[in-house]
Protein backbone atom coordinates (compact mmCIF):
# COMPACT_ATOMS: atom_id res chain seq x y z
CA UNK A 1 0.00 0.00 0.00
CA UNK A 2 1.33 3.41 -0.94
CA UNK A 3 0.52 6.13 1.59
CA UNK A 4 0.20 9.76 0.54
CA UNK A 5 1.24 11.22 3.92
CA UNK A 6 2.34 8.87 6.74
CA UNK A 7 2.15 5.12 7.34
CA UNK A 8 2.05 2.82 10.34
CA UNK A 9 4.94 0.37 10.73
CA UNK A 10 2.79 -2.46 9.37
CA UNK A 11 1.71 -0.44 6.30
CA UNK A 12 -1.63 1.23 7.06
CA UNK A 13 -1.97 4.93 6.22
CA UNK A 14 -2.84 7.94 8.35
CA UNK A 15 -2.77 11.71 7.95
CA UNK A 16 0.22 13.81 8.94
CA UNK A 17 -2.08 15.89 11.18
CA UNK A 18 -2.84 12.73 13.20
CA UNK A 19 0.81 12.29 14.18
CA UNK A 20 1.39 12.83 17.92
CA UNK A 21 -2.16 14.03 18.65
CA UNK A 22 -2.56 11.72 21.69
CA UNK A 23 -5.08 9.63 19.74
CA UNK A 24 -3.80 6.21 18.55
CA UNK A 25 -4.62 5.75 14.87
CA UNK A 26 -2.27 2.80 14.25
CA UNK A 27 -3.07 -0.35 16.19
CA UNK A 28 0.64 -0.75 16.96
CA UNK A 29 1.01 2.85 18.17
CA UNK A 30 3.35 4.02 15.40
CA UNK A 31 1.69 7.45 15.23
CA UNK A 32 2.27 8.01 18.97
CA UNK A 33 5.82 6.62 19.19
CA UNK A 34 7.84 8.26 21.97
CA UNK A 35 10.82 8.92 19.70
CA UNK A 36 8.62 10.76 17.22
CA UNK A 37 6.46 12.71 19.66
CA UNK A 38 8.84 13.78 22.41
CA UNK A 39 9.35 17.54 21.92
CA UNK A 40 13.03 17.63 22.93
CA UNK A 41 15.21 16.29 20.10
CA UNK A 42 18.28 16.25 22.35
CA UNK A 43 16.54 13.98 24.90
CA UNK A 44 15.64 11.53 22.14
CA UNK A 45 19.26 11.51 20.97
CA UNK A 46 20.50 10.95 24.54
CA UNK A 47 18.17 7.98 24.97
CA UNK A 48 19.27 6.37 21.70
CA UNK A 49 23.00 6.93 22.12
CA UNK A 50 23.34 6.48 25.88
CA UNK A 51 27.01 5.99 26.77
CA UNK A 52 28.08 5.06 23.22
CA UNK A 53 29.98 8.19 22.15
CA UNK A 54 32.32 7.29 19.30
CA UNK A 55 32.77 10.64 17.48
CA UNK A 56 33.76 9.00 14.18
CA UNK A 57 31.16 6.25 13.85
CA UNK A 58 27.55 6.90 14.95
CA UNK A 59 26.38 4.31 17.43
CA UNK A 60 23.37 3.51 19.58
CA UNK A 61 23.09 1.71 22.90
CA UNK A 62 20.98 -1.40 23.42
CA UNK A 63 18.14 -0.66 25.83
CA UNK A 64 18.78 -3.24 28.58
CA UNK A 65 22.06 -4.97 27.72
CA UNK A 66 23.81 -1.59 27.14
CA UNK A 67 25.97 -2.87 24.27
CA UNK A 68 27.23 -0.34 21.71
CA UNK A 69 26.41 -1.10 18.09
CA UNK A 70 26.67 0.74 14.80
CA UNK A 71 23.63 2.78 13.83
CA UNK A 72 23.42 0.72 10.61
CA UNK A 73 22.87 -2.44 12.67
CA UNK A 74 19.59 -1.12 14.01
CA UNK A 75 16.34 -2.30 12.41
CA UNK A 76 17.99 -4.42 9.71
CA UNK A 77 16.12 -7.65 10.46
CA UNK A 78 18.89 -9.16 12.64
CA UNK A 79 18.79 -8.92 16.43
CA UNK A 80 22.35 -7.78 17.23
CA UNK A 81 21.61 -6.64 20.80
CA UNK A 82 21.48 -9.51 23.25
CA UNK A 83 18.21 -8.02 24.55
CA UNK A 84 16.96 -7.70 20.92
CA UNK A 85 16.05 -4.03 21.47
CA UNK A 86 17.65 -3.05 18.14
CA UNK A 87 14.79 -4.90 16.39
CA UNK A 88 11.97 -3.71 18.65
CA UNK A 89 8.84 -1.93 17.43
CA UNK A 90 9.66 0.98 19.74
CA UNK A 91 12.88 1.71 17.86
CA UNK A 92 12.03 0.51 14.35
CA UNK A 93 8.60 2.05 13.78
CA UNK A 94 10.36 5.44 13.41
CA UNK A 95 12.49 4.18 10.49
CA UNK A 96 11.61 5.04 6.90
CA UNK A 97 12.74 2.36 4.43
CA UNK A 98 13.96 2.89 0.89
CA UNK A 99 11.54 2.30 -1.98
CA UNK A 100 13.38 -0.88 -3.00
CA UNK A 101 13.02 -2.37 0.50
CA UNK A 102 10.56 -4.70 2.17
CA UNK A 103 9.18 -3.33 5.45
CA UNK A 104 8.90 -5.85 8.28
CA UNK A 105 5.73 -5.66 10.37
CA UNK A 106 7.58 -3.95 13.23
CA UNK A 107 9.25 -1.39 10.92
CA UNK A 108 12.68 -2.84 10.06
CA UNK A 109 14.00 -2.72 6.48
CA UNK A 110 15.33 -5.63 4.42
CA UNK A 111 16.08 -5.99 0.70
CA UNK A 112 12.96 -6.69 -1.34
CA UNK A 113 14.68 -9.71 -2.85
CA UNK A 114 14.91 -11.24 0.64
CA UNK A 115 11.14 -11.26 1.13
CA UNK A 116 9.20 -14.43 0.34
CA UNK A 117 12.33 -16.45 -0.46
CA UNK A 118 11.53 -19.25 2.05
CA UNK A 119 14.12 -17.85 4.50
CA UNK A 120 13.22 -15.66 7.48
CA UNK A 121 15.01 -12.30 7.20
CA UNK A 122 12.75 -10.11 9.38
CA UNK A 123 13.31 -10.75 13.06
CA UNK A 124 9.57 -11.40 13.51
CA UNK A 125 9.25 -13.56 10.38
CA UNK A 126 6.79 -11.19 8.74
CA UNK A 127 8.66 -11.42 5.41
CA UNK A 128 7.60 -15.07 5.06
CA UNK A 129 3.91 -14.96 5.93
CA UNK A 130 2.12 -17.48 3.75
CA UNK A 131 -0.85 -15.25 2.97
CA UNK A 132 1.48 -12.54 1.62
CA UNK A 133 4.04 -14.74 -0.13
CA UNK A 134 1.57 -16.97 -1.95
CA UNK A 135 -0.13 -13.89 -3.36
CA UNK A 136 3.25 -12.38 -4.22
CA UNK A 137 4.19 -15.50 -6.24
CA UNK A 138 0.66 -15.99 -7.65
CA UNK A 139 0.23 -19.36 -5.93
CA UNK A 140 -3.47 -20.25 -5.85
CA UNK A 141 -3.25 -23.85 -4.58
CA UNK A 142 -3.69 -24.95 -0.98
CA UNK A 143 0.01 -25.71 -0.81
CA UNK A 144 1.59 -24.59 2.45
CA UNK A 145 4.28 -21.92 2.20
CA UNK A 146 7.57 -23.54 3.25
CA UNK A 147 9.89 -21.53 5.51
CA UNK A 148 13.39 -22.39 6.65
CA UNK A 149 14.33 -20.26 9.64
CA UNK A 150 17.66 -18.51 9.29
CA UNK A 151 20.31 -19.39 11.85
CA UNK A 152 21.02 -15.86 13.04
CA UNK A 153 23.21 -16.98 15.91
CA UNK A 154 25.81 -18.36 13.47
CA UNK A 155 26.09 -15.18 11.42
CA UNK A 156 29.09 -12.89 11.70
CA UNK A 157 28.03 -9.52 13.01
CA UNK A 158 29.42 -6.32 11.50
CA UNK A 159 32.35 -5.24 13.67
CA UNK A 160 32.47 -1.72 15.01
CA UNK A 161 35.31 0.13 13.23
CA UNK A 162 38.25 1.35 15.26
CA UNK A 163 38.90 5.04 15.74
CA UNK A 164 42.05 4.66 13.60
CA UNK A 165 39.89 4.09 10.49
CA UNK A 166 39.36 7.32 8.58
CA UNK A 167 35.69 8.36 8.67
CA UNK A 168 34.00 8.98 5.34
CA UNK A 169 33.06 12.66 5.33
CA UNK A 170 33.01 14.57 2.06
CA UNK A 171 31.05 17.63 1.08
CA UNK A 172 29.85 20.58 3.11
CA UNK A 173 27.32 20.24 5.95
CA UNK A 174 23.85 21.82 5.78
CA UNK A 175 22.44 24.18 8.40
CA UNK A 176 19.30 23.33 10.37
CA UNK A 177 17.09 26.29 11.35
CA UNK A 178 13.77 26.63 13.18
CA UNK A 179 13.13 26.44 16.93
CA UNK A 180 9.89 24.45 16.56
CA UNK A 181 11.33 22.05 13.98
CA UNK A 182 12.05 18.40 14.80
CA UNK A 183 14.41 16.39 12.64
CA UNK A 184 15.49 12.78 12.35
CA UNK A 185 17.76 11.11 9.83
CA UNK A 186 16.51 8.38 7.52
CA UNK A 187 17.85 5.22 5.87
CA UNK A 188 20.17 4.54 8.83
CA UNK A 189 22.16 7.70 8.13
CA UNK A 190 24.15 9.13 11.06
CA UNK A 191 21.74 10.56 13.65
CA UNK A 192 21.23 14.28 14.10
CA UNK A 193 23.58 15.44 16.85
CA UNK A 194 21.52 18.49 17.79
CA UNK A 195 24.32 20.85 16.82
CA UNK A 196 22.48 22.73 14.05
CA UNK A 197 24.13 20.99 11.07
CA UNK A 198 23.61 17.81 9.01
CA UNK A 199 26.34 15.96 7.13
CA UNK A 200 26.58 15.81 3.34
CA UNK A 201 24.31 13.28 1.53
CA UNK A 202 22.11 12.74 4.58
CA UNK A 203 18.33 12.47 4.12
CA UNK A 204 16.10 13.77 6.91
CA UNK A 205 12.44 13.56 7.93
CA UNK A 206 11.05 16.84 9.33
CA UNK A 207 8.18 17.48 11.70
CA UNK A 208 7.13 20.14 14.20
CA UNK A 209 6.62 20.34 17.92
CA UNK A 210 3.13 20.29 19.40
CA UNK A 211 0.73 23.04 18.27
CA UNK A 212 2.74 23.69 15.11
CA UNK A 213 2.21 22.63 11.49
CA UNK A 214 4.88 21.96 8.89
CA UNK A 215 4.54 24.20 5.84
CA UNK A 216 6.61 22.54 3.13
CA UNK A 217 8.13 19.14 2.33
CA UNK A 218 8.66 16.79 5.27
CA UNK A 219 11.61 15.02 3.56
CA UNK A 220 14.81 16.76 2.50
CA UNK A 221 18.43 15.90 1.71
CA UNK A 222 21.72 17.69 2.22
CA UNK A 223 23.80 18.11 -0.92
CA UNK A 224 27.20 19.72 -0.37
CA UNK A 225 25.95 22.47 1.95
CA UNK A 226 22.61 23.03 0.20
CA UNK A 227 19.21 21.47 0.86
CA UNK A 228 17.75 19.88 -2.27
CA UNK A 229 14.23 21.18 -1.49
CA UNK A 230 13.19 24.56 -0.02
CA UNK A 231 13.54 24.53 3.76
CA UNK A 232 10.08 24.27 5.42
CA UNK A 233 8.67 26.36 8.24
CA UNK A 234 6.78 25.40 11.39
CA UNK A 235 3.80 27.71 11.86
CA UNK A 236 1.83 27.89 15.07
CA UNK A 237 -1.69 26.42 14.87
CA UNK A 238 -4.68 26.46 17.19
CA UNK A 239 -6.41 23.45 18.72
CA UNK A 240 -9.54 22.56 16.81
CA UNK A 241 -11.23 20.24 19.32
CA UNK A 242 -13.74 22.81 20.60
CA UNK A 243 -15.18 23.71 17.21
CA UNK A 244 -15.25 20.22 15.65
CA UNK A 245 -16.21 18.00 18.59
CA UNK A 246 -19.19 19.96 19.96
CA UNK A 247 -22.32 18.40 18.37
CA UNK A 248 -24.39 21.53 19.03
CA UNK A 249 -22.44 23.76 16.63
CA UNK A 250 -21.36 23.92 12.98
CA UNK A 251 -18.24 25.89 12.13
CA UNK A 252 -16.90 27.38 8.90
CA UNK A 253 -13.23 28.31 8.88
CA UNK A 254 -11.46 31.04 6.91
CA UNK A 255 -7.78 31.87 6.55
CA UNK A 256 -6.43 34.74 4.49
CA UNK A 257 -9.92 35.22 2.97
CA UNK A 258 -9.98 31.59 1.77
CA UNK A 259 -12.44 28.97 3.04
CA UNK A 260 -10.60 26.07 4.66
CA UNK A 261 -11.66 22.76 6.18
CA UNK A 262 -11.98 23.10 9.97
CA UNK A 263 -11.27 19.38 10.40
CA UNK A 264 -8.30 18.66 8.15
CA UNK A 265 -6.65 21.97 7.18
CA UNK A 266 -4.16 23.63 9.59
CA UNK A 267 -5.79 26.35 11.67
CA UNK A 268 -2.86 28.75 11.72
CA UNK A 269 -2.90 31.66 14.15
CA UNK A 270 -5.16 34.38 12.76
CA UNK A 271 -7.69 32.05 11.14
CA UNK A 272 -11.39 32.76 11.74
CA UNK A 273 -14.12 30.31 12.70
CA UNK A 274 -17.76 31.31 12.06
CA UNK A 275 -19.92 29.28 14.44
CA UNK A 276 -23.64 28.52 14.02
CA UNK A 277 -26.05 26.17 15.72
CA UNK A 278 -26.32 22.65 14.40
CA UNK A 279 -29.74 21.38 13.23
CA UNK A 280 -31.98 20.82 16.25
CA UNK A 281 -30.26 23.48 18.38
CA UNK A 282 -31.31 27.09 18.91
CA UNK A 283 -28.96 29.99 19.51
CA UNK A 284 -29.43 32.24 22.52
CA UNK A 285 -27.56 35.04 20.74
CA UNK A 286 -26.08 36.04 17.37
CA UNK A 287 -23.74 34.10 15.10
CA UNK A 288 -20.30 34.01 16.68
CA UNK A 289 -17.06 34.76 14.86
CA UNK A 290 -13.96 33.47 16.61
CA UNK A 291 -10.45 34.70 15.86
CA UNK A 292 -8.12 31.75 16.43
């Protein structure tokens, strides 16, 4: 399924305005994930990195076992942490996979060629579900889908490079601006360090803190000191619950002399809401006009 705005870890779609609104829209809680919704980007970074502070090679710390692993080892289908936290839904539902990837049910990314090949590559086995794989291969018989579980414990894990190895850094870094803007790196790129710059050839997903709306693209990439797309802006918006959840009223919203949808469009500061009684209700006064 291709989603126009945002998607749950297991593939269902939801609107960008439903992200972090304290109302679960994904059954697995993707839209209310702590890492996505916590307003302080530095606190999120501190929780992910913990005591793993190699300045040359971005790392993260396993939640309970406290091992230090490469960022690229997180959410790749293989449980590298002894507590398996690197393949947990909590961590992986925030990952955005490449278009040529298969997305495991908990959010991890594997190569599309590894899905439905009779070998388990997702940690939860979701890449070898019979209902999906038989349809993928156009199998209409009652034949059972055969799966041979991969022996993960015998695989050689990617070693963490030593500090003597020269880090790969080419190209100028891009500046990050906007006090209400939240940013996370994608495709297992090095995480945002909270220092106001992003390294060359890094792709980022952008969002805003609570009570703000992102005006512009929510995905951007740094290319030798320049962002490939225009840098977006977080504009302050008003809460809409009062005018859309009261069954006794009907509201029409206007912004900059244009009629907007009170339910789905951002109610930026300065918008107007014209409130009337709903059918079956009688007003005790005149029609109200509210400046938001």
